[in-house]
Amino acid sequence: MARGQRKTIDEKITAKQEMIEALMTRVESEKRELEELYQEKRRKELEAVSALIEEAGLSAEEVVGVLQQYLDNREEMVS
């Protein structure tokens, strides 16, 4: 039974190059989508922190001060 016409090595190389290019395009697209998801996650986390600060009636400066104090204390405990 006759098989289809065999591809030349040049045709195989071209096909592989095209496949790689298509995959690279897909990878770049997926990377962009992943970055968008990271940004969305960060935005939601910041919104939650902002809501907590507002609920507590604190200013941003107060929160920064408290966090800095916490970090300083934690660093002293580790050292």
PDB file of N, CA and C in Angstrom:
ATOM      1  N   MET A   1       0.851  -1.171   0.000  1.00  0.00           N
ATOM      2  CA  MET A   1       0.000   0.000   0.000  1.00  0.00           C
ATOM      3  C   MET A   1       0.893   1.230   0.000  1.00  0.00           C
ATOM      4  N   ALA A   2       0.591   2.191  -0.803  1.00  0.00           N
ATOM      5  CA  ALA A   2       1.444   3.365  -0.956  1.00  0.00           C
ATOM      6  C   ALA A   2       1.228   4.342   0.195  1.00  0.00           C
ATOM      7  N   ARG A   3       2.340   4.819   0.682  1.00  0.00           N
ATOM      8  CA  ARG A   3       2.271   5.850   1.717  1.00  0.00           C
ATOM      9  C   ARG A   3       2.247   7.205   1.035  1.00  0.00           C
ATOM     10  N   GLY A   4       1.933   8.248   1.806  1.00  0.00           N
ATOM     11  CA  GLY A   4       1.971   9.593   1.252  1.00  0.00           C
ATOM     12  C   GLY A   4       3.399   9.978   0.914  1.00  0.00           C
ATOM     13  N   GLN A   5       3.512  11.038   0.156  1.00  0.00           N
ATOM     14  CA  GLN A   5       4.839  11.499  -0.237  1.00  0.00           C
ATOM     15  C   GLN A   5       5.623  11.910   0.999  1.00  0.00           C
ATOM     16  N   ARG A   6       6.880  11.469   1.093  1.00  0.00           N
ATOM     17  CA  ARG A   6       7.725  11.793   2.234  1.00  0.00           C
ATOM     18  C   ARG A   6       8.149  13.254   2.171  1.00  0.00           C
ATOM     19  N   LYS A   7       8.246  13.869   3.353  1.00  0.00           N
ATOM     20  CA  LYS A   7       8.704  15.258   3.424  1.00  0.00           C
ATOM     21  C   LYS A   7      10.221  15.283   3.326  1.00  0.00           C
ATOM     22  N   THR A   8      10.704  16.328   2.705  1.00  0.00           N
ATOM     23  CA  THR A   8      12.154  16.503   2.645  1.00  0.00           C
ATOM     24  C   THR A   8      12.631  17.014   3.995  1.00  0.00           C
ATOM     25  N   ILE A   9      13.908  16.928   4.227  1.00  0.00           N
ATOM     26  CA  ILE A   9      14.480  17.418   5.485  1.00  0.00           C
ATOM     27  C   ILE A   9      14.227  18.919   5.630  1.00  0.00           C
ATOM     28  N   ASP A  10      14.306  19.651   4.528  1.00  0.00           N
ATOM     29  CA  ASP A  10      14.038  21.100   4.586  1.00  0.00           C
ATOM     30  C   ASP A  10      12.592  21.384   4.981  1.00  0.00           C
ATOM     31  N   GLU A  11      11.667  20.586   4.501  1.00  0.00           N
ATOM     32  CA  GLU A  11      10.261  20.750   4.874  1.00  0.00           C
ATOM     33  C   GLU A  11      10.049  20.431   6.348  1.00  0.00           C
ATOM     34  N   LYS A  12      10.735  19.411   6.823  1.00  0.00           N
ATOM     35  CA  LYS A  12      10.644  19.059   8.244  1.00  0.00           C
ATOM     36  C   LYS A  12      11.211  20.175   9.117  1.00  0.00           C
ATOM     37  N   ILE A  13      12.342  20.728   8.688  1.00  0.00           N
ATOM     38  CA  ILE A  13      12.956  21.833   9.438  1.00  0.00           C
ATOM     39  C   ILE A  13      12.015  23.025   9.472  1.00  0.00           C
ATOM     40  N   THR A  14      11.452  23.372   8.342  1.00  0.00           N
ATOM     41  CA  THR A  14      10.516  24.500   8.273  1.00  0.00           C
ATOM     42  C   THR A  14       9.315  24.265   9.173  1.00  0.00           C
ATOM     43  N   ALA A  15       8.780  23.048   9.145  1.00  0.00           N
ATOM     44  CA  ALA A  15       7.620  22.728   9.984  1.00  0.00           C
ATOM     45  C   ALA A  15       7.969  22.867  11.463  1.00  0.00           C
ATOM     46  N   LYS A  16       9.140  22.400  11.857  1.00  0.00           N
ATOM     47  CA  LYS A  16       9.557  22.511  13.269  1.00  0.00           C
ATOM     48  C   LYS A  16       9.749  23.966  13.662  1.00  0.00           C
ATOM     49  N   GLN A  17      10.346  24.763  12.772  1.00  0.00           N
ATOM     50  CA  GLN A  17      10.539  26.184  13.062  1.00  0.00           C
ATOM     51  C   GLN A  17       9.191  26.875  13.259  1.00  0.00           C
ATOM     52  N   GLU A  18       8.242  26.549  12.395  1.00  0.00           N
ATOM     53  CA  GLU A  18       6.911  27.143  12.512  1.00  0.00           C
ATOM     54  C   GLU A  18       6.239  26.718  13.812  1.00  0.00           C
ATOM     55  N   MET A  19       6.409  25.457  14.191  1.00  0.00           N
ATOM     56  CA  MET A  19       5.820  24.971  15.432  1.00  0.00           C
ATOM     57  C   MET A  19       6.438  25.696  16.631  1.00  0.00           C
ATOM     58  N   ILE A  20       7.748  25.851  16.606  1.00  0.00           N
ATOM     59  CA  ILE A  20       8.435  26.543  17.703  1.00  0.00           C
ATOM     60  C   ILE A  20       7.980  27.989  17.786  1.00  0.00           C
ATOM     61  N   GLU A  21       7.861  28.661  16.664  1.00  0.00           N
ATOM     62  CA  GLU A  21       7.384  30.044  16.658  1.00  0.00           C
ATOM     63  C   GLU A  21       5.975  30.144  17.237  1.00  0.00           C
ATOM     64  N   ALA A  22       5.113  29.208  16.861  1.00  0.00           N
ATOM     65  CA  ALA A  22       3.746  29.207  17.382  1.00  0.00           C
ATOM     66  C   ALA A  22       3.747  28.968  18.890  1.00  0.00           C
ATOM     67  N   LEU A  23       4.596  28.057  19.340  1.00  0.00           N
ATOM     68  CA  LEU A  23       4.677  27.783  20.782  1.00  0.00           C
ATOM     69  C   LEU A  23       5.231  28.979  21.542  1.00  0.00           C
ATOM     70  N   MET A  24       6.214  29.657  20.973  1.00  0.00           N
ATOM     71  CA  MET A  24       6.783  30.842  21.627  1.00  0.00           C
ATOM     72  C   MET A  24       5.733  31.953  21.740  1.00  0.00           C
ATOM     73  N   THR A  25       4.933  32.095  20.700  1.00  0.00           N
ATOM     74  CA  THR A  25       3.850  33.075  20.738  1.00  0.00           C
ATOM     75  C   THR A  25       2.872  32.718  21.853  1.00  0.00           C
ATOM     76  N   ARG A  26       2.559  31.450  21.966  1.00  0.00           N
ATOM     77  CA  ARG A  26       1.644  30.990  23.012  1.00  0.00           C
ATOM     78  C   ARG A  26       2.241  31.236  24.392  1.00  0.00           C
ATOM     79  N   VAL A  27       3.536  30.952  24.563  1.00  0.00           N
ATOM     80  CA  VAL A  27       4.196  31.160  25.850  1.00  0.00           C
ATOM     81  C   VAL A  27       4.143  32.639  26.230  1.00  0.00           C
ATOM     82  N   GLU A  28       4.424  33.522  25.288  1.00  0.00           N
ATOM     83  CA  GLU A  28       4.372  34.959  25.575  1.00  0.00           C
ATOM     84  C   GLU A  28       2.967  35.389  25.970  1.00  0.00           C
ATOM     85  N   SER A  29       1.979  34.847  25.290  1.00  0.00           N
ATOM     86  CA  SER A  29       0.588  35.153  25.622  1.00  0.00           C
ATOM     87  C   SER A  29       0.253  34.676  27.036  1.00  0.00           C
ATOM     88  N   GLU A  30       0.686  33.485  27.379  1.00  0.00           N
ATOM     89  CA  GLU A  30       0.431  32.938  28.712  1.00  0.00           C
ATOM     90  C   GLU A  30       1.159  33.753  29.783  1.00  0.00           C
ATOM     91  N   LYS A  31       2.363  34.213  29.476  1.00  0.00           N
ATOM     92  CA  LYS A  31       3.110  35.044  30.424  1.00  0.00           C
ATOM     93  C   LYS A  31       2.378  36.355  30.685  1.00  0.00           C
ATOM     94  N   ARG A  32       1.839  36.957  29.624  1.00  0.00           N
ATOM     95  CA  ARG A  32       1.074  38.201  29.796  1.00  0.00           C
ATOM     96  C   ARG A  32      -0.158  37.949  30.663  1.00  0.00           C
ATOM     97  N   GLU A  33      -0.841  36.847  30.410  1.00  0.00           N
ATOM     98  CA  GLU A  33      -2.030  36.524  31.202  1.00  0.00           C
ATOM     99  C   GLU A  33      -1.660  36.280  32.661  1.00  0.00           C
ATOM    100  N   LEU A  34      -0.556  35.596  32.899  1.00  0.00           N
ATOM    101  CA  LEU A  34      -0.095  35.357  34.263  1.00  0.00           C
ATOM    102  C   LEU A  34       0.224  36.674  34.961  1.00  0.00           C
ATOM    103  N   GLU A  35       0.887  37.583  34.273  1.00  0.00           N
ATOM    104  CA  GLU A  35       1.211  38.890  34.858  1.00  0.00           C
ATOM    105  C   GLU A  35      -0.065  39.657  35.204  1.00  0.00           C
ATOM    106  N   GLU A  36      -1.054  39.581  34.337  1.00  0.00           N
ATOM    107  CA  GLU A  36      -2.338  40.229  34.624  1.00  0.00           C
ATOM    108  C   GLU A  36      -2.974  39.627  35.879  1.00  0.00           C
ATOM    109  N   LEU A  37      -2.883  38.319  36.039  1.00  0.00           N
ATOM    110  CA  LEU A  37      -3.436  37.669  37.226  1.00  0.00           C
ATOM    111  C   LEU A  37      -2.695  38.099  38.490  1.00  0.00           C
ATOM    112  N   TYR A  38      -1.357  38.198  38.405  1.00  0.00           N
ATOM    113  CA  TYR A  38      -0.583  38.685  39.546  1.00  0.00           C
ATOM    114  C   TYR A  38      -1.002  40.113  39.912  1.00  0.00           C
ATOM    115  N   GLN A  39      -1.191  40.948  38.905  1.00  0.00           N
ATOM    116  CA  GLN A  39      -1.603  42.330  39.165  1.00  0.00           C
ATOM    117  C   GLN A  39      -2.992  42.386  39.795  1.00  0.00           C
ATOM    118  N   GLU A  40      -3.894  41.548  39.309  1.00  0.00           N
ATOM    119  CA  GLU A  40      -5.247  41.499  39.889  1.00  0.00           C
ATOM    120  C   GLU A  40      -5.185  41.033  41.347  1.00  0.00           C
ATOM    121  N   LYS A  41      -4.372  40.025  41.620  1.00  0.00           N
ATOM    122  CA  LYS A  41      -4.231  39.535  42.985  1.00  0.00           C
ATOM    123  C   LYS A  41      -3.685  40.633  43.895  1.00  0.00           C
ATOM    124  N   ARG A  42      -2.657  41.324  43.423  1.00  0.00           N
ATOM    125  CA  ARG A  42      -2.064  42.409  44.208  1.00  0.00           C
ATOM    126  C   ARG A  42      -3.095  43.522  44.473  1.00  0.00           C
ATOM    127  N   ARG A  43      -3.853  43.872  43.459  1.00  0.00           N
ATOM    128  CA  ARG A  43      -4.868  44.914  43.617  1.00  0.00           C
ATOM    129  C   ARG A  43      -5.903  44.498  44.671  1.00  0.00           C
ATOM    130  N   LYS A  44      -6.334  43.232  44.631  1.00  0.00           N
ATOM    131  CA  LYS A  44      -7.322  42.761  45.609  1.00  0.00           C
ATOM    132  C   LYS A  44      -6.735  42.749  47.021  1.00  0.00           C
ATOM    133  N   GLU A  45      -5.463  42.346  47.135  1.00  0.00           N
ATOM    134  CA  GLU A  45      -4.814  42.362  48.446  1.00  0.00           C
ATOM    135  C   GLU A  45      -4.708  43.799  48.976  1.00  0.00           C
ATOM    136  N   LEU A  46      -4.336  44.717  48.113  1.00  0.00           N
ATOM    137  CA  LEU A  46      -4.232  46.114  48.530  1.00  0.00           C
ATOM    138  C   LEU A  46      -5.599  46.693  48.909  1.00  0.00           C
ATOM    139  N   GLU A  47      -6.629  46.291  48.179  1.00  0.00           N
ATOM    140  CA  GLU A  47      -7.980  46.740  48.518  1.00  0.00           C
ATOM    141  C   GLU A  47      -8.387  46.218  49.893  1.00  0.00           C
ATOM    142  N   ALA A  48      -8.035  44.966  50.200  1.00  0.00           N
ATOM    143  CA  ALA A  48      -8.373  44.387  51.501  1.00  0.00           C
ATOM    144  C   ALA A  48      -7.625  45.116  52.615  1.00  0.00           C
ATOM    145  N   VAL A  49      -6.353  45.399  52.391  1.00  0.00           N
ATOM    146  CA  VAL A  49      -5.561  46.117  53.395  1.00  0.00           C
ATOM    147  C   VAL A  49      -6.116  47.527  53.569  1.00  0.00           C
ATOM    148  N   SER A  50      -6.435  48.170  52.481  1.00  0.00           N
ATOM    149  CA  SER A  50      -6.987  49.522  52.538  1.00  0.00           C
ATOM    150  C   SER A  50      -8.303  49.545  53.318  1.00  0.00           C
ATOM    151  N   ALA A  51      -9.158  48.557  53.073  1.00  0.00           N
ATOM    152  CA  ALA A  51     -10.436  48.481  53.787  1.00  0.00           C
ATOM    153  C   ALA A  51     -10.205  48.279  55.277  1.00  0.00           C
ATOM    154  N   LEU A  52      -9.237  47.436  55.636  1.00  0.00           N
ATOM    155  CA  LEU A  52      -8.930  47.191  57.047  1.00  0.00           C
ATOM    156  C   LEU A  52      -8.408  48.462  57.714  1.00  0.00           C
ATOM    157  N   ILE A  53      -7.549  49.182  57.022  1.00  0.00           N
ATOM    158  CA  ILE A  53      -7.005  50.435  57.570  1.00  0.00           C
ATOM    159  C   ILE A  53      -8.135  51.431  57.786  1.00  0.00           C
ATOM    160  N   GLU A  54      -8.999  51.535  56.795  1.00  0.00           N
ATOM    161  CA  GLU A  54     -10.123  52.466  56.900  1.00  0.00           C
ATOM    162  C   GLU A  54     -11.055  52.069  58.041  1.00  0.00           C
ATOM    163  N   GLU A  55     -11.332  50.764  58.143  1.00  0.00           N
ATOM    164  CA  GLU A  55     -12.208  50.257  59.199  1.00  0.00           C
ATOM    165  C   GLU A  55     -11.623  50.544  60.582  1.00  0.00           C
ATOM    166  N   ALA A  56     -10.304  50.447  60.683  1.00  0.00           N
ATOM    167  CA  ALA A  56      -9.637  50.691  61.964  1.00  0.00           C
ATOM    168  C   ALA A  56      -9.483  52.178  62.249  1.00  0.00           C
ATOM    169  N   GLY A  57      -9.735  53.002  61.265  1.00  0.00           N
ATOM    170  CA  GLY A  57      -9.625  54.445  61.455  1.00  0.00           C
ATOM    171  C   GLY A  57      -8.184  54.923  61.560  1.00  0.00           C
ATOM    172  N   LEU A  58      -7.281  54.211  60.939  1.00  0.00           N
ATOM    173  CA  LEU A  58      -5.867  54.579  60.990  1.00  0.00           C
ATOM    174  C   LEU A  58      -5.465  55.328  59.731  1.00  0.00           C
ATOM    175  N   SER A  59      -4.416  56.126  59.869  1.00  0.00           N
ATOM    176  CA  SER A  59      -3.854  56.779  58.694  1.00  0.00           C
ATOM    177  C   SER A  59      -2.761  55.878  58.128  1.00  0.00           C
ATOM    178  N   ALA A  60      -2.397  56.136  56.906  1.00  0.00           N
ATOM    179  CA  ALA A  60      -1.333  55.364  56.271  1.00  0.00           C
ATOM    180  C   ALA A  60      -0.035  55.522  57.055  1.00  0.00           C
ATOM    181  N   GLU A  61       0.216  56.708  57.555  1.00  0.00           N
ATOM    182  CA  GLU A  61       1.445  56.955  58.320  1.00  0.00           C
ATOM    183  C   GLU A  61       1.474  56.121  59.601  1.00  0.00           C
ATOM    184  N   GLU A  62       0.327  56.011  60.263  1.00  0.00           N
ATOM    185  CA  GLU A  62       0.256  55.202  61.481  1.00  0.00           C
ATOM    186  C   GLU A  62       0.540  53.734  61.174  1.00  0.00           C
ATOM    187  N   VAL A  63      -0.019  53.263  60.092  1.00  0.00           N
ATOM    188  CA  VAL A  63       0.174  51.862  59.709  1.00  0.00           C
ATOM    189  C   VAL A  63       1.645  51.612  59.377  1.00  0.00           C
ATOM    190  N   VAL A  64       2.256  52.535  58.653  1.00  0.00           N
ATOM    191  CA  VAL A  64       3.671  52.393  58.325  1.00  0.00           C
ATOM    192  C   VAL A  64       4.500  52.357  59.605  1.00  0.00           C
ATOM    193  N   GLY A  65       4.186  53.219  60.553  1.00  0.00           N
ATOM    194  CA  GLY A  65       4.907  53.238  61.818  1.00  0.00           C
ATOM    195  C   GLY A  65       4.778  51.931  62.585  1.00  0.00           C
ATOM    196  N   VAL A  66       3.570  51.417  62.657  1.00  0.00           N
ATOM    197  CA  VAL A  66       3.334  50.162  63.374  1.00  0.00           C
ATOM    198  C   VAL A  66       4.068  49.012  62.694  1.00  0.00           C
ATOM    199  N   LEU A  67       3.992  48.962  61.380  1.00  0.00           N
ATOM    200  CA  LEU A  67       4.685  47.897  60.661  1.00  0.00           C
ATOM    201  C   LEU A  67       6.197  47.996  60.818  1.00  0.00           C
ATOM    202  N   GLN A  68       6.709  49.213  60.795  1.00  0.00           N
ATOM    203  CA  GLN A  68       8.153  49.388  60.957  1.00  0.00           C
ATOM    204  C   GLN A  68       8.589  48.936  62.347  1.00  0.00           C
ATOM    205  N   GLN A  69       7.791  49.281  63.344  1.00  0.00           N
ATOM    206  CA  GLN A  69       8.090  48.860  64.708  1.00  0.00           C
ATOM    207  C   GLN A  69       8.066  47.333  64.812  1.00  0.00           C
ATOM    208  N   TYR A  70       7.079  46.722  64.197  1.00  0.00           N
ATOM    209  CA  TYR A  70       6.984  45.266  64.195  1.00  0.00           C
ATOM    210  C   TYR A  70       8.220  44.638  63.546  1.00  0.00           C
ATOM    211  N   LEU A  71       8.612  45.168  62.392  1.00  0.00           N
ATOM    212  CA  LEU A  71       9.783  44.630  61.695  1.00  0.00           C
ATOM    213  C   LEU A  71      11.051  44.806  62.514  1.00  0.00           C
ATOM    214  N   ASP A  72      11.183  45.955  63.171  1.00  0.00           N
ATOM    215  CA  ASP A  72      12.352  46.187  64.016  1.00  0.00           C
ATOM    216  C   ASP A  72      12.387  45.187  65.169  1.00  0.00           C
ATOM    217  N   ASN A  73      11.246  44.975  65.827  1.00  0.00           N
ATOM    218  CA  ASN A  73      11.160  44.008  66.940  1.00  0.00           C
ATOM    219  C   ASN A  73      11.459  42.601  66.471  1.00  0.00           C
ATOM    220  N   ARG A  74      10.927  42.234  65.337  1.00  0.00           N
ATOM    221  CA  ARG A  74      11.150  40.896  64.796  1.00  0.00           C
ATOM    222  C   ARG A  74      12.623  40.680  64.461  1.00  0.00           C
ATOM    223  N   GLU A  75      13.237  41.701  63.912  1.00  0.00           N
ATOM    224  CA  GLU A  75      14.666  41.604  63.565  1.00  0.00           C
ATOM    225  C   GLU A  75      15.514  41.437  64.818  1.00  0.00           C
ATOM    226  N   GLU A  76      15.140  42.145  65.900  1.00  0.00           N
ATOM    227  CA  GLU A  76      15.873  42.024  67.157  1.00  0.00           C
ATOM    228  C   GLU A  76      15.734  40.616  67.726  1.00  0.00           C
ATOM    229  N   MET A  77      14.551  40.011  67.569  1.00  0.00           N
ATOM    230  CA  MET A  77      14.322  38.675  68.104  1.00  0.00           C
ATOM    231  C   MET A  77      15.104  37.626  67.312  1.00  0.00           C
ATOM    232  N   VAL A  78      15.301  37.846  66.040  1.00  0.00           N
ATOM    233  CA  VAL A  78      16.014  36.902  65.190  1.00  0.00           C
ATOM    234  C   VAL A  78      17.519  37.002  65.440  1.00  0.00           C
ATOM    235  N   SER A  79      17.992  38.195  65.711  1.00  0.00           N
ATOM    236  CA  SER A  79      19.443  38.397  65.897  1.00  0.00           C
ATOM    237  C   SER A  79      19.955  37.838  67.190  1.00  0.00           C
TER     238      SER A  79
END
